[in-house]
Amino acid sequence: MLGDAFLTCAFTDTIVLPERQWIDYWTGKAHDGPMKMKCTFPEDRGGPLFVRAGAIIPTDREGALHRLVSF
């Protein structure tokens, strides 16, 4: 777990999702925990990533933050 909103795994092909609903970040597919499942992810990504349903994920939309900060 990374905080209470992200779940990832490394060096294994299975993951245990805790209770609650989890969204596969790469596919958008929802999974209801608790459950153990096989991990799959796109080849061009670093690994599986699940986000707790309802979590707020701040992002830097198209470099907006970079334009606001002068270096």
N, C-alpha and C. Protein backbone atom coordinates (compact mmCIF):
# COMPACT_ATOMS: atom_id res chain seq x y z
N MET A 1 0.85 -1.17 0.00
CA MET A 1 0.00 0.00 0.00
C MET A 1 0.89 1.24 0.00
N LEU A 2 0.45 2.22 -0.74
CA LEU A 2 1.08 3.53 -0.74
C LEU A 2 0.03 4.49 -0.19
N GLY A 3 0.13 4.83 1.09
CA GLY A 3 -0.94 5.59 1.72
C GLY A 3 -2.18 4.72 1.84
N ASP A 4 -3.35 5.35 1.79
CA ASP A 4 -4.58 4.56 1.88
C ASP A 4 -5.32 4.48 0.56
N ALA A 5 -4.72 5.04 -0.51
CA ALA A 5 -5.44 5.11 -1.78
C ALA A 5 -4.80 4.31 -2.91
N PHE A 6 -3.53 3.92 -2.78
CA PHE A 6 -2.84 3.21 -3.85
C PHE A 6 -2.36 1.85 -3.38
N LEU A 7 -2.41 0.89 -4.30
CA LEU A 7 -1.95 -0.45 -4.01
C LEU A 7 -1.19 -0.95 -5.23
N THR A 8 0.00 -1.45 -5.01
CA THR A 8 0.81 -1.97 -6.11
C THR A 8 1.54 -3.22 -5.63
N CYS A 9 2.16 -3.93 -6.54
CA CYS A 9 2.95 -5.10 -6.15
C CYS A 9 4.13 -5.23 -7.09
N ALA A 10 5.16 -5.89 -6.61
CA ALA A 10 6.36 -6.11 -7.41
C ALA A 10 6.88 -7.52 -7.18
N PHE A 11 7.52 -8.07 -8.19
CA PHE A 11 8.17 -9.37 -8.10
C PHE A 11 7.22 -10.51 -7.80
N THR A 12 5.96 -10.35 -8.21
CA THR A 12 4.96 -11.41 -8.04
C THR A 12 3.90 -11.24 -9.12
N ASP A 13 3.14 -12.28 -9.36
CA ASP A 13 2.08 -12.18 -10.36
C ASP A 13 0.69 -12.21 -9.73
N THR A 14 0.63 -12.10 -8.39
CA THR A 14 -0.67 -12.04 -7.72
C THR A 14 -0.69 -10.87 -6.74
N ILE A 15 -1.89 -10.39 -6.45
CA ILE A 15 -2.07 -9.30 -5.51
C ILE A 15 -3.29 -9.60 -4.66
N VAL A 16 -3.26 -9.16 -3.41
CA VAL A 16 -4.39 -9.31 -2.51
C VAL A 16 -5.01 -7.93 -2.32
N LEU A 17 -6.22 -7.76 -2.81
CA LEU A 17 -6.92 -6.50 -2.66
C LEU A 17 -7.64 -6.49 -1.31
N PRO A 18 -7.40 -5.46 -0.50
CA PRO A 18 -8.12 -5.36 0.78
C PRO A 18 -9.61 -5.10 0.55
N GLU A 19 -10.37 -5.14 1.63
CA GLU A 19 -11.80 -4.85 1.55
C GLU A 19 -12.00 -3.46 0.96
N ARG A 20 -13.03 -3.26 0.20
CA ARG A 20 -13.43 -2.04 -0.51
C ARG A 20 -13.33 -2.31 -2.01
N GLN A 21 -13.69 -1.31 -2.77
CA GLN A 21 -13.60 -1.43 -4.22
C GLN A 21 -12.30 -0.78 -4.68
N TRP A 22 -11.62 -1.44 -5.62
CA TRP A 22 -10.35 -0.98 -6.16
C TRP A 22 -10.45 -0.89 -7.67
N ILE A 23 -9.87 0.17 -8.24
CA ILE A 23 -9.90 0.41 -9.67
C ILE A 23 -8.52 0.14 -10.24
N ASP A 24 -8.45 -0.69 -11.28
CA ASP A 24 -7.19 -0.91 -11.99
C ASP A 24 -6.86 0.38 -12.73
N TYR A 25 -5.79 1.04 -12.37
CA TYR A 25 -5.44 2.34 -12.93
C TYR A 25 -5.23 2.27 -14.44
N TRP A 26 -4.70 1.17 -14.94
CA TRP A 26 -4.38 1.06 -16.37
C TRP A 26 -5.58 0.73 -17.23
N THR A 27 -6.57 0.00 -16.68
CA THR A 27 -7.72 -0.41 -17.50
C THR A 27 -9.02 0.27 -17.09
N GLY A 28 -9.09 0.77 -15.86
CA GLY A 28 -10.32 1.37 -15.36
C GLY A 28 -11.32 0.36 -14.83
N LYS A 29 -10.97 -0.92 -14.85
CA LYS A 29 -11.87 -1.97 -14.39
C LYS A 29 -11.93 -2.00 -12.87
N ALA A 30 -13.14 -2.13 -12.31
CA ALA A 30 -13.35 -2.16 -10.86
C ALA A 30 -13.30 -3.60 -10.35
N HIS A 31 -12.73 -3.76 -9.16
CA HIS A 31 -12.65 -5.06 -8.48
C HIS A 31 -13.07 -4.85 -7.03
N ASP A 32 -13.90 -5.74 -6.52
CA ASP A 32 -14.35 -5.67 -5.14
C ASP A 32 -13.50 -6.57 -4.26
N GLY A 33 -12.89 -5.98 -3.23
CA GLY A 33 -12.10 -6.74 -2.28
C GLY A 33 -12.96 -7.13 -1.10
N PRO A 34 -12.51 -8.02 -0.27
CA PRO A 34 -11.19 -8.63 -0.35
C PRO A 34 -11.15 -9.77 -1.36
N MET A 35 -10.04 -9.85 -2.06
CA MET A 35 -9.84 -10.94 -3.00
C MET A 35 -8.38 -11.04 -3.39
N LYS A 36 -7.98 -12.22 -3.81
CA LYS A 36 -6.64 -12.45 -4.34
C LYS A 36 -6.80 -12.64 -5.84
N MET A 37 -5.97 -11.96 -6.64
CA MET A 37 -6.13 -12.05 -8.09
C MET A 37 -4.78 -12.00 -8.80
N LYS A 38 -4.79 -12.46 -10.02
CA LYS A 38 -3.59 -12.42 -10.84
C LYS A 38 -3.37 -10.99 -11.33
N CYS A 39 -2.13 -10.52 -11.28
CA CYS A 39 -1.78 -9.17 -11.72
C CYS A 39 -1.44 -9.18 -13.21
N THR A 40 -2.03 -8.26 -13.93
CA THR A 40 -1.66 -8.03 -15.32
C THR A 40 -1.53 -6.53 -15.51
N PHE A 41 -0.65 -6.13 -16.41
CA PHE A 41 -0.45 -4.71 -16.67
C PHE A 41 0.20 -4.55 -18.04
N PRO A 42 0.05 -3.39 -18.67
CA PRO A 42 0.64 -3.16 -19.99
C PRO A 42 2.17 -3.27 -19.92
N GLU A 43 2.76 -3.76 -20.99
CA GLU A 43 4.22 -3.94 -21.03
C GLU A 43 4.98 -2.63 -20.85
N ASP A 44 4.40 -1.51 -21.25
CA ASP A 44 5.11 -0.23 -21.15
C ASP A 44 4.89 0.47 -19.81
N ARG A 45 4.35 -0.23 -18.82
CA ARG A 45 4.13 0.32 -17.48
C ARG A 45 5.02 -0.42 -16.49
N GLY A 46 5.28 0.18 -15.36
CA GLY A 46 6.19 -0.41 -14.38
C GLY A 46 5.61 -1.54 -13.55
N GLY A 47 4.32 -1.70 -13.56
CA GLY A 47 3.69 -2.75 -12.78
C GLY A 47 2.23 -2.45 -12.54
N PRO A 48 1.56 -3.35 -11.85
CA PRO A 48 0.15 -3.14 -11.56
C PRO A 48 -0.05 -1.98 -10.59
N LEU A 49 -1.14 -1.26 -10.76
CA LEU A 49 -1.46 -0.15 -9.88
C LEU A 49 -2.97 -0.10 -9.70
N PHE A 50 -3.40 -0.15 -8.46
CA PHE A 50 -4.82 -0.08 -8.13
C PHE A 50 -5.06 1.14 -7.26
N VAL A 51 -6.21 1.78 -7.48
CA VAL A 51 -6.58 2.99 -6.75
C VAL A 51 -7.90 2.71 -6.03
N ARG A 52 -7.95 3.08 -4.75
CA ARG A 52 -9.18 2.89 -3.99
C ARG A 52 -10.29 3.73 -4.62
N ALA A 53 -11.44 3.12 -4.84
CA ALA A 53 -12.58 3.83 -5.43
C ALA A 53 -12.92 5.05 -4.57
N GLY A 54 -13.11 6.19 -5.21
CA GLY A 54 -13.45 7.42 -4.51
C GLY A 54 -12.25 8.26 -4.13
N ALA A 55 -11.03 7.73 -4.31
CA ALA A 55 -9.83 8.49 -3.95
C ALA A 55 -9.66 9.68 -4.90
N ILE A 56 -9.13 10.76 -4.37
CA ILE A 56 -8.84 11.94 -5.19
C ILE A 56 -7.35 11.91 -5.51
N ILE A 57 -7.03 11.96 -6.80
CA ILE A 57 -5.64 11.89 -7.24
C ILE A 57 -5.27 13.21 -7.92
N PRO A 58 -4.51 14.07 -7.26
CA PRO A 58 -4.09 15.31 -7.91
C PRO A 58 -3.13 14.99 -9.06
N THR A 59 -3.29 15.68 -10.15
CA THR A 59 -2.39 15.49 -11.30
C THR A 59 -1.95 16.84 -11.82
N ASP A 60 -0.88 16.84 -12.58
CA ASP A 60 -0.38 18.05 -13.21
C ASP A 60 -0.86 18.02 -14.66
N ARG A 61 -2.05 18.54 -14.88
CA ARG A 61 -2.68 18.50 -16.19
C ARG A 61 -1.84 19.26 -17.22
N GLU A 62 -1.23 18.52 -18.13
CA GLU A 62 -0.49 19.07 -19.26
C GLU A 62 0.50 20.15 -18.86
N GLY A 63 1.23 19.93 -17.78
CA GLY A 63 2.29 20.84 -17.40
C GLY A 63 1.82 22.15 -16.79
N ALA A 64 0.58 22.20 -16.29
CA ALA A 64 0.04 23.44 -15.74
C ALA A 64 0.90 23.94 -14.58
N LEU A 65 1.34 23.03 -13.72
CA LEU A 65 2.17 23.41 -12.58
C LEU A 65 3.51 24.00 -13.07
N HIS A 66 4.09 23.38 -14.06
CA HIS A 66 5.37 23.85 -14.60
C HIS A 66 5.25 25.29 -15.12
N ARG A 67 4.13 25.63 -15.74
CA ARG A 67 3.95 26.98 -16.26
C ARG A 67 3.77 28.00 -15.15
N LEU A 68 3.29 27.58 -13.99
CA LEU A 68 3.07 28.50 -12.88
C LEU A 68 4.35 28.79 -12.09
N VAL A 69 5.30 27.87 -12.12
CA VAL A 69 6.53 28.01 -11.35
C VAL A 69 7.65 28.49 -12.27
N SER A 70 8.29 29.57 -11.92
CA SER A 70 9.41 30.05 -12.74
C SER A 70 10.71 29.53 -12.15
N PHE A 71 11.58 29.07 -13.01
CA PHE A 71 12.86 28.53 -12.57
C PHE A 71 13.97 29.50 -12.86
